[in-house]
N, C-alpha and C. Protein backbone atom coordinates (compact mmCIF):
# COMPACT_ATOMS: atom_id res chain seq x y z
N MET A 1 33.00 -1.45 35.01
CA MET A 1 31.33 -1.86 33.59
C MET A 1 31.76 -1.88 32.12
N ALA A 2 33.07 -1.07 31.86
CA ALA A 2 33.56 -1.26 30.54
C ALA A 2 33.84 -2.38 30.52
N GLU A 3 34.83 -3.15 31.21
CA GLU A 3 35.58 -4.31 31.43
C GLU A 3 34.28 -5.56 31.06
N ASP A 4 33.03 -5.48 31.96
CA ASP A 4 32.29 -6.26 31.83
C ASP A 4 31.41 -6.24 30.38
N ARG A 5 31.29 -5.14 29.94
CA ARG A 5 30.93 -5.37 28.36
C ARG A 5 31.76 -6.07 27.59
N GLN A 6 33.24 -5.86 27.85
CA GLN A 6 33.84 -6.38 26.69
C GLN A 6 34.13 -7.93 26.71
N TRP A 7 33.47 -8.75 27.93
CA TRP A 7 33.26 -9.96 28.10
C TRP A 7 31.88 -10.67 27.73
N GLN A 8 31.44 -9.42 27.40
CA GLN A 8 29.85 -10.30 26.52
C GLN A 8 29.62 -10.55 25.36
N PRO A 9 29.29 -11.83 25.20
CA PRO A 9 29.24 -12.73 23.70
C PRO A 9 28.85 -11.75 22.93
N PRO A 10 29.15 -11.97 21.51
CA PRO A 10 28.38 -11.31 20.81
C PRO A 10 27.08 -12.14 20.29
N LEU A 11 25.99 -11.15 19.83
CA LEU A 11 24.81 -11.94 19.44
C LEU A 11 24.77 -11.61 18.19
N ALA A 12 23.82 -13.00 17.69
CA ALA A 12 23.47 -13.03 16.09
C ALA A 12 22.39 -11.93 16.06
N ASP A 13 21.88 -11.49 14.70
CA ASP A 13 20.81 -10.54 14.73
C ASP A 13 19.62 -11.53 14.80
N PRO A 14 18.58 -11.24 16.10
CA PRO A 14 17.47 -11.82 16.13
C PRO A 14 16.34 -11.69 15.10
N ALA A 15 16.45 -10.26 14.70
CA ALA A 15 15.40 -9.84 13.68
C ALA A 15 14.99 -10.93 12.57
N PRO A 16 15.88 -11.88 11.79
CA PRO A 16 14.89 -12.72 11.11
C PRO A 16 14.28 -13.75 11.88
N LEU A 17 14.67 -14.12 13.04
CA LEU A 17 13.86 -14.76 13.58
C LEU A 17 12.53 -14.37 14.30
N GLY A 18 12.45 -13.12 14.54
CA GLY A 18 11.29 -12.58 14.83
C GLY A 18 10.58 -12.25 13.82
N LEU A 19 11.17 -11.55 12.92
CA LEU A 19 10.18 -11.36 11.03
C LEU A 19 9.81 -12.67 10.78
N GLY A 20 10.33 -13.52 10.75
CA GLY A 20 10.06 -14.90 10.73
C GLY A 20 8.78 -15.46 11.06
N GLY A 21 8.88 -15.32 12.58
CA GLY A 21 7.69 -15.69 13.27
C GLY A 21 6.43 -15.04 13.02
N PHE A 22 6.66 -13.68 12.76
CA PHE A 22 5.54 -12.76 12.23
C PHE A 22 5.08 -13.15 10.82
N ALA A 23 6.05 -13.44 10.09
CA ALA A 23 5.38 -13.37 8.51
C ALA A 23 4.61 -14.81 8.80
N LEU A 24 5.28 -15.83 9.00
CA LEU A 24 4.48 -17.15 8.91
C LEU A 24 3.10 -17.24 9.74
N THR A 25 3.29 -16.76 10.73
CA THR A 25 1.78 -16.82 11.54
C THR A 25 0.97 -15.81 10.63
N THR A 26 1.44 -14.53 10.46
CA THR A 26 0.43 -13.99 9.94
C THR A 26 0.02 -14.18 8.42
N PHE A 27 0.62 -15.24 7.71
CA PHE A 27 0.45 -15.94 6.68
C PHE A 27 -0.86 -16.88 6.54
N ALA A 28 -0.44 -17.81 7.88
CA ALA A 28 -1.28 -18.65 8.36
C ALA A 28 -2.58 -18.26 8.42
N PHE A 29 -2.60 -17.11 9.04
CA PHE A 29 -3.91 -16.68 9.69
C PHE A 29 -4.76 -16.04 8.54
N SER A 30 -4.13 -15.05 7.75
CA SER A 30 -4.44 -14.73 6.65
C SER A 30 -5.18 -15.33 5.56
N VAL A 31 -4.48 -16.32 5.05
CA VAL A 31 -4.72 -17.64 3.91
C VAL A 31 -6.70 -17.95 4.50
N ALA A 32 -6.89 -18.10 6.01
CA ALA A 32 -8.27 -18.32 6.47
C ALA A 32 -9.04 -17.07 6.35
N ASN A 33 -8.71 -15.93 6.73
CA ASN A 33 -9.24 -14.89 6.77
C ASN A 33 -9.83 -14.59 5.38
N ALA A 34 -8.78 -14.65 4.28
CA ALA A 34 -9.18 -14.56 2.80
C ALA A 34 -10.17 -15.34 2.08
N GLY A 35 -10.29 -16.74 2.99
CA GLY A 35 -11.44 -17.51 2.49
C GLY A 35 -10.63 -18.44 1.42
N ILE A 36 -9.42 -18.55 1.43
CA ILE A 36 -8.68 -19.47 0.57
C ILE A 36 -8.71 -20.93 1.13
N ILE A 37 -8.80 -20.91 2.56
CA ILE A 37 -9.17 -21.95 3.31
C ILE A 37 -10.24 -22.20 4.19
N PRO A 38 -10.64 -23.22 4.92
CA PRO A 38 -12.03 -22.99 5.80
C PRO A 38 -11.72 -22.21 7.01
N GLU A 39 -12.63 -21.32 7.50
CA GLU A 39 -12.23 -20.29 8.69
C GLU A 39 -11.81 -21.00 9.78
N ASP A 40 -12.46 -22.51 10.02
CA ASP A 40 -12.40 -23.12 10.98
C ASP A 40 -10.97 -23.87 11.30
N SER A 41 -10.12 -24.06 10.03
CA SER A 41 -8.80 -24.37 9.99
C SER A 41 -7.68 -23.26 10.81
N LEU A 42 -8.44 -22.22 11.22
CA LEU A 42 -7.52 -21.59 12.22
C LEU A 42 -6.85 -22.31 13.69
N ARG A 43 -7.94 -23.33 13.88
CA ARG A 43 -7.57 -24.04 15.07
C ARG A 43 -6.30 -25.00 15.06
N LEU A 44 -5.89 -25.14 13.96
CA LEU A 44 -4.82 -25.93 13.54
C LEU A 44 -3.55 -24.95 13.47
N PHE A 45 -3.90 -23.67 13.40
CA PHE A 45 -2.41 -22.90 13.82
C PHE A 45 -2.59 -21.95 15.08
N ILE A 46 -3.24 -22.83 15.70
CA ILE A 46 -3.12 -21.69 17.23
C ILE A 46 -1.71 -22.09 17.83
N PRO A 47 -1.36 -23.46 17.79
CA PRO A 47 -0.09 -23.72 18.11
C PRO A 47 1.24 -22.63 17.41
N LEU A 48 0.88 -22.77 16.34
CA LEU A 48 1.87 -21.58 15.45
C LEU A 48 2.06 -20.33 15.98
N ALA A 49 0.76 -19.85 16.36
CA ALA A 49 0.50 -18.36 16.80
C ALA A 49 1.26 -18.20 18.26
N ILE A 50 0.68 -19.36 18.79
CA ILE A 50 1.46 -19.49 20.84
C ILE A 50 3.08 -19.38 20.62
N PHE A 51 3.73 -20.35 19.65
CA PHE A 51 5.06 -20.69 19.63
C PHE A 51 5.66 -20.26 18.92
N TYR A 52 5.56 -19.83 17.44
CA TYR A 52 6.66 -19.20 16.79
C TYR A 52 6.17 -17.79 16.57
N GLY A 53 5.05 -17.31 16.10
CA GLY A 53 4.22 -16.09 16.05
C GLY A 53 4.51 -15.43 17.38
N GLY A 54 4.46 -15.96 18.45
CA GLY A 54 4.39 -15.47 20.43
C GLY A 54 5.56 -15.25 20.64
N LEU A 55 5.78 -16.94 21.15
CA LEU A 55 6.96 -17.21 21.97
C LEU A 55 8.40 -16.60 21.15
N ALA A 56 8.33 -17.09 19.99
CA ALA A 56 9.89 -16.97 19.54
C ALA A 56 10.14 -15.56 19.34
N GLN A 57 8.90 -14.74 18.49
CA GLN A 57 8.98 -13.33 18.19
C GLN A 57 9.21 -12.57 19.54
N PHE A 58 8.46 -12.69 20.63
CA PHE A 58 8.75 -12.51 21.63
C PHE A 58 10.37 -12.28 22.18
N MET A 59 10.74 -13.64 22.31
CA MET A 59 12.01 -13.99 22.38
C MET A 59 13.14 -13.06 21.89
N ALA A 60 12.58 -12.82 20.55
CA ALA A 60 13.47 -12.10 19.65
C ALA A 60 13.45 -10.57 19.86
N GLY A 61 12.46 -9.95 20.51
CA GLY A 61 12.58 -8.78 21.19
C GLY A 61 13.35 -8.68 22.13
N MET A 62 13.14 -9.50 23.31
CA MET A 62 14.02 -9.64 24.39
C MET A 62 15.62 -9.59 24.19
N PHE A 63 16.08 -10.10 22.84
CA PHE A 63 17.59 -10.21 22.56
C PHE A 63 17.87 -8.86 21.99
N GLU A 64 16.91 -8.33 21.44
CA GLU A 64 17.06 -6.68 20.87
C GLU A 64 17.19 -5.98 21.65
N PHE A 65 16.73 -5.98 22.96
CA PHE A 65 17.45 -5.16 24.23
C PHE A 65 18.71 -5.11 24.07
N ARG A 66 19.07 -6.40 24.41
CA ARG A 66 20.64 -6.51 24.10
C ARG A 66 21.24 -6.00 23.50
N ASN A 67 20.80 -5.83 22.13
CA ASN A 67 21.35 -5.07 21.00
C ASN A 67 21.02 -3.81 20.85
N HIS A 68 20.73 -2.95 21.67
CA HIS A 68 20.26 -2.01 22.13
C HIS A 68 19.37 -1.04 21.03
N ASN A 69 18.23 -2.23 20.28
CA ASN A 69 17.81 -1.82 19.01
C ASN A 69 16.45 -1.57 19.92
N LEU A 70 16.17 -0.39 19.79
CA LEU A 70 14.52 -0.25 20.64
C LEU A 70 13.58 -0.49 19.67
N PHE A 71 13.77 0.01 18.18
CA PHE A 71 12.66 -0.25 17.57
C PHE A 71 12.46 -2.04 17.44
N GLY A 72 13.24 -2.65 17.38
CA GLY A 72 13.16 -4.10 17.13
C GLY A 72 12.74 -4.90 18.54
N ALA A 73 13.43 -4.22 19.85
CA ALA A 73 12.78 -4.50 20.86
C ALA A 73 11.46 -4.56 21.21
N THR A 74 10.71 -3.17 20.79
CA THR A 74 9.26 -2.74 21.00
C THR A 74 8.37 -3.68 20.15
N GLY A 75 8.94 -3.65 18.76
CA GLY A 75 8.08 -4.48 17.76
C GLY A 75 7.88 -5.89 18.04
N PHE A 76 8.99 -6.56 18.01
CA PHE A 76 9.11 -7.54 18.22
C PHE A 76 8.65 -8.36 19.78
N ALA A 77 8.77 -7.77 20.75
CA ALA A 77 7.84 -8.23 21.81
C ALA A 77 6.37 -7.73 22.13
N SER A 78 6.27 -6.90 21.51
CA SER A 78 4.83 -6.18 21.33
C SER A 78 3.89 -7.31 20.55
N TYR A 79 4.58 -7.78 19.02
CA TYR A 79 3.76 -8.24 18.26
C TYR A 79 4.03 -10.08 18.72
N GLY A 80 4.91 -10.09 19.43
CA GLY A 80 4.96 -11.28 19.99
C GLY A 80 3.79 -11.77 21.07
N ALA A 81 3.75 -10.81 21.78
CA ALA A 81 2.56 -10.52 23.17
C ALA A 81 1.06 -10.58 22.08
N PHE A 82 1.11 -9.86 20.96
CA PHE A 82 -0.30 -9.69 20.17
C PHE A 82 -0.69 -11.27 19.74
N TRP A 83 0.37 -12.06 19.12
CA TRP A 83 -0.04 -13.50 18.91
C TRP A 83 -0.28 -14.62 19.87
N LEU A 84 0.64 -14.24 20.77
CA LEU A 84 0.27 -15.00 22.35
C LEU A 84 -1.40 -14.78 22.89
N ALA A 85 -1.67 -13.43 22.99
CA ALA A 85 -2.91 -12.96 23.42
C ALA A 85 -4.20 -13.88 22.09
N LEU A 86 -3.95 -13.08 20.90
CA LEU A 86 -4.77 -13.62 19.73
C LEU A 86 -5.03 -15.44 19.87
N GLY A 87 -3.89 -16.25 19.96
CA GLY A 87 -3.90 -17.31 20.03
C GLY A 87 -4.43 -18.12 21.34
N THR A 88 -4.53 -17.34 22.46
CA THR A 88 -5.38 -17.80 23.74
C THR A 88 -6.53 -17.71 23.61
N VAL A 89 -7.09 -16.63 22.97
CA VAL A 89 -8.64 -16.30 22.62
C VAL A 89 -8.93 -17.38 21.69
N GLU A 90 -8.37 -17.86 20.47
CA GLU A 90 -8.94 -18.72 19.59
C GLU A 90 -8.66 -19.91 20.37
N LEU A 91 -7.66 -20.22 21.14
CA LEU A 91 -7.84 -21.73 21.93
C LEU A 91 -8.76 -22.05 22.65
N LEU A 92 -9.48 -20.88 23.52
CA LEU A 92 -10.23 -20.84 24.36
C LEU A 92 -11.67 -20.93 23.68
N THR A 93 -11.64 -20.44 22.71
CA THR A 93 -13.02 -20.11 21.76
C THR A 93 -13.31 -21.48 21.32
N ARG A 94 -12.24 -21.77 20.02
CA ARG A 94 -12.47 -23.05 19.25
C ARG A 94 -12.39 -24.22 20.03
N GLN A 95 -11.29 -24.13 20.69
CA GLN A 95 -11.12 -25.76 21.09
C GLN A 95 -11.77 -26.00 22.60
N PHE A 96 -12.20 -24.99 23.36
CA PHE A 96 -12.91 -25.22 24.69
C PHE A 96 -14.48 -24.37 24.67
N GLY A 97 -14.61 -23.94 23.65
CA GLY A 97 -15.75 -22.99 23.78
C GLY A 97 -15.91 -21.99 24.90
N VAL A 98 -14.86 -21.67 25.52
CA VAL A 98 -14.91 -20.63 26.50
C VAL A 98 -14.56 -19.15 25.99
N GLY A 99 -15.22 -18.36 26.38
CA GLY A 99 -14.91 -16.68 25.81
C GLY A 99 -15.81 -16.35 24.59
N ILE A 100 -16.47 -17.57 24.17
CA ILE A 100 -17.46 -17.11 22.76
C ILE A 100 -17.92 -15.61 23.02
N GLU A 101 -18.39 -15.49 24.12
CA GLU A 101 -19.22 -14.05 24.29
C GLU A 101 -18.40 -12.82 23.96
N ILE A 102 -17.01 -12.90 24.16
CA ILE A 102 -16.32 -11.61 24.05
C ILE A 102 -15.93 -11.78 22.78
N VAL A 103 -16.02 -12.63 21.83
CA VAL A 103 -15.64 -12.64 20.07
C VAL A 103 -16.56 -12.11 19.75
N GLY A 104 -16.18 -10.99 18.68
CA GLY A 104 -17.00 -10.43 18.19
C GLY A 104 -16.67 -8.64 18.03
N TYR A 105 -17.66 -7.83 18.77
CA TYR A 105 -17.72 -6.37 18.78
C TYR A 105 -16.46 -5.87 19.46
N PRO A 106 -16.15 -6.57 20.54
CA PRO A 106 -15.32 -6.23 21.63
C PRO A 106 -13.78 -6.61 20.50
N VAL A 107 -13.69 -7.54 20.24
CA VAL A 107 -12.32 -7.92 19.09
C VAL A 107 -11.88 -6.85 18.24
N GLY A 108 -13.24 -6.31 17.66
CA GLY A 108 -13.00 -5.07 16.58
C GLY A 108 -12.27 -3.86 17.45
N TRP A 109 -12.74 -3.73 18.75
CA TRP A 109 -11.85 -2.70 19.48
C TRP A 109 -10.51 -3.17 19.70
N PHE A 110 -10.15 -4.70 19.87
CA PHE A 110 -8.81 -4.77 20.12
C PHE A 110 -8.20 -4.70 19.01
N PHE A 111 -8.53 -4.62 17.77
CA PHE A 111 -7.74 -4.47 16.55
C PHE A 111 -7.46 -2.85 16.33
N VAL A 112 -8.91 -2.31 16.96
CA VAL A 112 -8.42 -0.69 16.83
C VAL A 112 -7.15 -0.46 17.74
N ALA A 113 -7.07 -0.94 18.75
CA ALA A 113 -5.89 -0.73 19.66
C ALA A 113 -4.49 -1.12 19.02
N TRP A 114 -4.49 -2.11 18.30
CA TRP A 114 -3.39 -2.33 17.52
C TRP A 114 -3.16 -1.53 16.58
N THR A 115 -4.31 -1.17 15.84
CA THR A 115 -4.15 0.00 14.77
C THR A 115 -3.45 1.06 15.19
N ILE A 116 -3.83 1.63 16.27
CA ILE A 116 -3.03 2.51 16.74
C ILE A 116 -1.45 2.54 17.33
N PHE A 117 -1.20 1.44 17.70
CA PHE A 117 0.14 0.89 17.98
C PHE A 117 1.03 0.96 16.75
N THR A 118 0.37 0.24 15.94
CA THR A 118 1.17 -0.22 14.43
C THR A 118 1.25 1.11 13.63
N ALA A 119 0.72 2.15 13.86
CA ALA A 119 0.65 3.39 13.17
C ALA A 119 2.06 4.13 13.74
N ILE A 120 2.16 3.94 14.80
CA ILE A 120 3.39 4.58 15.65
C ILE A 120 4.42 3.82 15.02
N MET A 121 4.52 2.41 15.05
CA MET A 121 5.36 1.66 14.49
C MET A 121 5.91 2.16 13.23
N TRP A 122 4.94 2.55 12.25
CA TRP A 122 4.87 2.65 11.04
C TRP A 122 5.81 3.47 10.65
N LEU A 123 5.26 4.89 11.34
CA LEU A 123 6.11 6.08 11.19
C LEU A 123 7.54 5.91 11.57
N ALA A 124 7.78 5.04 12.65
CA ALA A 124 9.37 4.70 12.83
C ALA A 124 9.66 3.89 11.99
N SER A 125 9.38 3.14 11.25
CA SER A 125 9.70 1.92 10.22
C SER A 125 10.54 2.63 9.42
N TRP A 126 10.03 3.67 8.65
CA TRP A 126 10.62 4.10 7.32
C TRP A 126 11.95 4.62 7.87
N GLY A 127 12.59 4.94 9.30
CA GLY A 127 13.76 5.24 9.69
C GLY A 127 14.69 4.02 9.87
N VAL A 128 14.36 2.80 9.50
CA VAL A 128 15.13 1.82 9.74
C VAL A 128 15.69 1.48 8.16
N HIS A 129 14.70 1.04 7.12
CA HIS A 129 15.01 0.80 5.86
C HIS A 129 13.58 0.81 4.95
N ALA A 130 13.59 1.17 3.62
CA ALA A 130 12.33 1.07 2.95
C ALA A 130 11.53 0.02 2.94
N ALA A 131 12.19 -1.48 3.06
CA ALA A 131 11.48 -2.63 2.86
C ALA A 131 10.62 -2.69 3.90
N LEU A 132 11.01 -2.20 5.24
CA LEU A 132 10.37 -2.35 6.53
C LEU A 132 9.09 -1.31 6.43
N GLY A 133 9.42 -0.03 5.86
CA GLY A 133 8.29 0.83 5.84
C GLY A 133 7.20 0.29 4.99
N ILE A 134 7.62 -0.51 3.82
CA ILE A 134 6.58 -0.96 3.62
C ILE A 134 5.86 -2.14 3.75
N THR A 135 6.54 -2.85 4.82
CA THR A 135 5.82 -3.68 5.52
C THR A 135 4.82 -3.43 6.30
N PHE A 136 5.24 -2.44 7.22
CA PHE A 136 4.45 -1.56 8.19
C PHE A 136 3.53 -1.01 7.43
N THR A 137 3.70 -0.51 6.17
CA THR A 137 2.66 -0.02 5.70
C THR A 137 1.62 -0.95 5.55
N LEU A 138 1.86 -1.90 4.86
CA LEU A 138 0.81 -3.15 4.40
C LEU A 138 -0.01 -3.79 5.94
N LEU A 139 1.05 -3.66 7.02
CA LEU A 139 0.46 -4.45 8.09
C LEU A 139 -0.72 -3.48 8.86
N LEU A 140 -0.18 -2.01 8.37
CA LEU A 140 -1.26 -0.81 8.91
C LEU A 140 -2.93 -1.22 8.34
N ALA A 141 -2.44 -1.49 6.95
CA ALA A 141 -3.89 -1.30 6.27
C ALA A 141 -4.39 -2.89 6.63
N THR A 142 -3.94 -3.69 6.99
CA THR A 142 -4.33 -5.20 7.55
C THR A 142 -5.33 -5.09 8.72
N PHE A 143 -4.32 -4.15 9.41
CA PHE A 143 -5.15 -4.12 10.74
C PHE A 143 -6.29 -3.18 10.73
N ILE A 144 -6.32 -2.31 10.09
CA ILE A 144 -7.66 -1.47 9.81
C ILE A 144 -8.48 -1.94 9.27
N LEU A 145 -8.51 -2.94 8.47
CA LEU A 145 -9.50 -3.67 7.76
C LEU A 145 -10.16 -4.78 8.40
N LEU A 146 -9.47 -5.55 9.40
CA LEU A 146 -9.60 -6.26 10.15
C LEU A 146 -10.50 -5.59 11.18
N ALA A 147 -10.01 -4.43 11.77
CA ALA A 147 -11.00 -3.69 12.63
C ALA A 147 -12.28 -3.22 12.09
N LEU A 148 -12.34 -2.95 10.88
CA LEU A 148 -13.46 -2.58 10.33
C LEU A 148 -14.61 -3.74 10.23
N ALA A 149 -13.73 -4.91 9.77
CA ALA A 149 -14.63 -5.93 9.26
C ALA A 149 -15.46 -6.40 10.55
N VAL A 150 -14.72 -6.47 11.82
CA VAL A 150 -15.29 -6.98 12.85
C VAL A 150 -16.26 -5.48 13.69
N LEU A 151 -16.00 -4.56 13.43
CA LEU A 151 -16.68 -3.22 13.91
C LEU A 151 -18.19 -3.24 13.25
N ILE A 152 -17.95 -3.35 12.01
CA ILE A 152 -19.36 -3.07 11.02
C ILE A 152 -20.29 -4.27 11.34
N SER A 153 -20.12 -5.60 11.73
CA SER A 153 -21.03 -6.40 11.70
C SER A 153 -20.69 -7.55 12.59
N SER A 154 -21.65 -8.39 13.03
CA SER A 154 -21.22 -9.46 13.70
C SER A 154 -21.99 -10.52 13.29
N PRO A 155 -21.63 -11.66 12.66
CA PRO A 155 -20.32 -12.24 12.64
C PRO A 155 -19.70 -10.84 11.80
N PRO A 156 -18.10 -10.86 11.32
CA PRO A 156 -17.42 -10.02 10.69
C PRO A 156 -17.81 -9.78 9.23
N ASN A 157 -17.93 -8.88 8.58
CA ASN A 157 -18.42 -8.55 7.00
C ASN A 157 -17.48 -9.07 6.29
N PRO A 158 -18.12 -10.37 5.57
CA PRO A 158 -17.29 -11.32 4.99
C PRO A 158 -16.31 -10.43 3.67
N ALA A 159 -16.92 -9.55 2.82
CA ALA A 159 -15.95 -8.74 2.11
C ALA A 159 -14.65 -8.38 2.46
N ILE A 160 -14.96 -7.39 3.49
CA ILE A 160 -13.70 -6.69 4.25
C ILE A 160 -12.63 -7.68 4.92
N LEU A 161 -13.13 -8.82 5.76
CA LEU A 161 -12.73 -9.71 6.21
C LEU A 161 -11.52 -10.37 5.14
N HIS A 162 -12.16 -10.78 3.94
CA HIS A 162 -11.37 -11.54 3.00
C HIS A 162 -10.47 -10.44 2.27
N MET A 163 -10.74 -8.91 2.13
CA MET A 163 -9.84 -8.16 1.97
C MET A 163 -8.74 -8.12 2.67
N ALA A 164 -8.62 -8.02 4.12
CA ALA A 164 -7.78 -8.12 5.25
C ALA A 164 -7.00 -9.19 4.94
N GLY A 165 -7.44 -10.38 4.79
CA GLY A 165 -6.85 -11.65 4.57
C GLY A 165 -5.66 -11.55 3.50
N TYR A 166 -6.32 -10.98 2.00
CA TYR A 166 -5.24 -10.75 1.05
C TYR A 166 -4.26 -9.70 1.50
N VAL A 167 -4.61 -8.58 2.05
CA VAL A 167 -3.41 -7.71 2.40
C VAL A 167 -2.51 -8.33 3.25
N GLY A 168 -3.02 -9.17 4.24
CA GLY A 168 -2.32 -9.68 5.41
C GLY A 168 -1.18 -10.71 4.62
N ILE A 169 -1.78 -11.39 3.48
CA ILE A 169 -0.87 -12.42 2.77
C ILE A 169 0.26 -11.47 1.93
N VAL A 170 -0.08 -10.37 1.82
CA VAL A 170 0.99 -9.53 0.71
C VAL A 170 1.82 -9.16 1.70
N THR A 171 1.21 -8.84 3.17
CA THR A 171 2.08 -8.31 4.29
C THR A 171 3.19 -9.47 4.67
N SER A 172 2.54 -10.38 4.92
CA SER A 172 3.53 -11.51 5.03
C SER A 172 4.92 -11.88 4.06
N ILE A 173 4.51 -11.75 2.72
CA ILE A 173 5.55 -11.60 1.82
C ILE A 173 6.49 -10.66 1.79
N ALA A 174 6.14 -9.77 2.00
CA ALA A 174 7.03 -8.31 2.44
C ALA A 174 7.87 -8.54 3.33
N ALA A 175 7.38 -9.26 4.75
CA ALA A 175 8.32 -9.53 6.06
C ALA A 175 9.14 -10.53 5.46
N TRP A 176 8.74 -11.64 4.49
CA TRP A 176 9.45 -12.64 4.47
C TRP A 176 11.13 -12.26 3.49
N TYR A 177 10.50 -11.53 2.66
CA TYR A 177 11.70 -10.73 1.61
C TYR A 177 12.51 -10.01 2.82
N ILE A 178 12.29 -9.45 3.94
CA ILE A 178 13.21 -8.95 4.95
C ILE A 178 14.14 -10.28 5.29
N VAL A 179 13.21 -11.17 5.93
CA VAL A 179 13.98 -12.04 6.46
C VAL A 179 15.10 -13.07 5.34
N ALA A 180 14.97 -13.18 4.15
CA ALA A 180 15.63 -13.63 3.32
C ALA A 180 16.73 -12.75 2.79
N ALA A 181 16.55 -11.34 2.69
CA ALA A 181 17.40 -10.55 2.50
C ALA A 181 18.54 -10.36 3.87
N ASP A 182 18.15 -10.64 4.98
CA ASP A 182 18.98 -10.12 6.16
C ASP A 182 19.89 -11.68 6.40
N VAL A 183 19.17 -12.93 6.12
CA VAL A 183 19.87 -14.25 6.04
C VAL A 183 20.68 -14.27 4.93
N LEU A 184 20.77 -14.24 3.81
CA LEU A 184 21.38 -14.30 2.52
C LEU A 184 22.28 -13.02 2.68
N ASN A 185 21.97 -11.99 2.95
CA ASN A 185 23.45 -10.95 2.91
C ASN A 185 24.30 -11.30 4.09
N TRP A 186 23.88 -11.62 4.98
CA TRP A 186 24.76 -12.12 6.23
C TRP A 186 25.67 -13.48 5.94
N THR A 187 24.61 -14.52 5.39
CA THR A 187 25.40 -15.76 5.02
C THR A 187 26.64 -15.69 3.81
N TYR A 188 26.09 -14.65 2.79
CA TYR A 188 27.23 -14.40 1.45
C TYR A 188 28.23 -13.41 2.10
N GLY A 189 27.85 -12.86 2.93
CA GLY A 189 28.84 -11.95 3.15
C GLY A 189 28.88 -10.13 2.16
N ARG A 190 27.78 -10.16 1.67
CA ARG A 190 27.36 -9.32 0.46
C ARG A 190 25.95 -8.94 0.56
N GLN A 191 25.74 -7.76 -0.47
CA GLN A 191 24.27 -7.53 -0.68
C GLN A 191 23.58 -8.34 -1.73
N ILE A 192 22.70 -9.49 -1.07
CA ILE A 192 22.36 -10.05 -2.54
C ILE A 192 20.77 -9.60 -2.67
N LEU A 193 20.29 -9.09 -1.66
CA LEU A 193 18.97 -8.44 -1.66
C LEU A 193 18.66 -7.35 -0.97
N PRO A 194 18.72 -5.87 -1.77
CA PRO A 194 18.51 -4.99 -1.13
C PRO A 194 17.48 -4.87 -0.05
N LEU A 195 17.47 -3.77 0.71
CA LEU A 195 16.55 -3.33 1.74
C LEU A 195 15.78 -1.88 1.54
N GLY A 196 16.84 -1.17 0.81
CA GLY A 196 16.34 0.39 0.42
C GLY A 196 16.80 1.04 1.71
N PRO A 197 17.19 2.35 1.44
CA PRO A 197 17.68 3.17 2.39
C PRO A 197 16.55 4.06 3.47
N ALA A 198 17.17 4.10 4.44
CA ALA A 198 15.86 4.76 5.47
C ALA A 198 15.63 6.13 5.02
N ALA A 199 14.39 6.72 5.85
CA ALA A 199 13.94 8.22 5.30
C ALA A 199 14.87 8.98 5.60
N GLY A 200 15.19 9.86 4.64
CA GLY A 200 16.31 11.15 4.95
C GLY A 200 17.75 11.02 4.66
N SER A 201 17.92 9.55 4.09
CA SER A 201 19.19 8.98 3.98
C SER A 201 19.43 9.24 2.87
N ALA A 202 21.14 9.71 2.62
CA ALA A 202 21.69 10.03 1.40
C ALA A 202 21.96 9.28 0.46
N SER A 203 22.08 7.88 1.08
CA SER A 203 22.19 6.45 0.08
C SER A 203 20.91 5.81 -0.06
């Protein structure tokens, strides 16, 4: 078994791909939720949710299993599946008019469930580094606001939905910062952008 491991080729870090898919897709949907662009424009982002935020991020999670990174594998695979699921619902609803009856109050509980999962990941994220902890703090706030916006009223409460959109945009920027740090620091072989220490770290 030890000899087999020696022959396994090294893998590049899949985290920038996973975070990139997460950040870009979150940004695209958040600008619509914030009211910056027409809400109906979401149909243009459905392929993005399925292929980049969904499939690419899910694949990054699978490679994190190979890297023995439990946090990365759980996070990327789960949020990749989230975008695959949400993209599918948006596709069926906006493109084909199927499933309109399930959009509304039940979606609020969909976001509640993801809020609970995100709270678990938020607690763990501070053990990776400060930048990830900040990103998950913003993501947790985004999910809480999305759940409230949909549960309070149907159609969703516009004020809370817009607030969720703006927090989502900031979440995307925080995730993109980590992507930039990972790619630049690796490419140049030195720290260009700091990520901050993990919670409890002496350095």
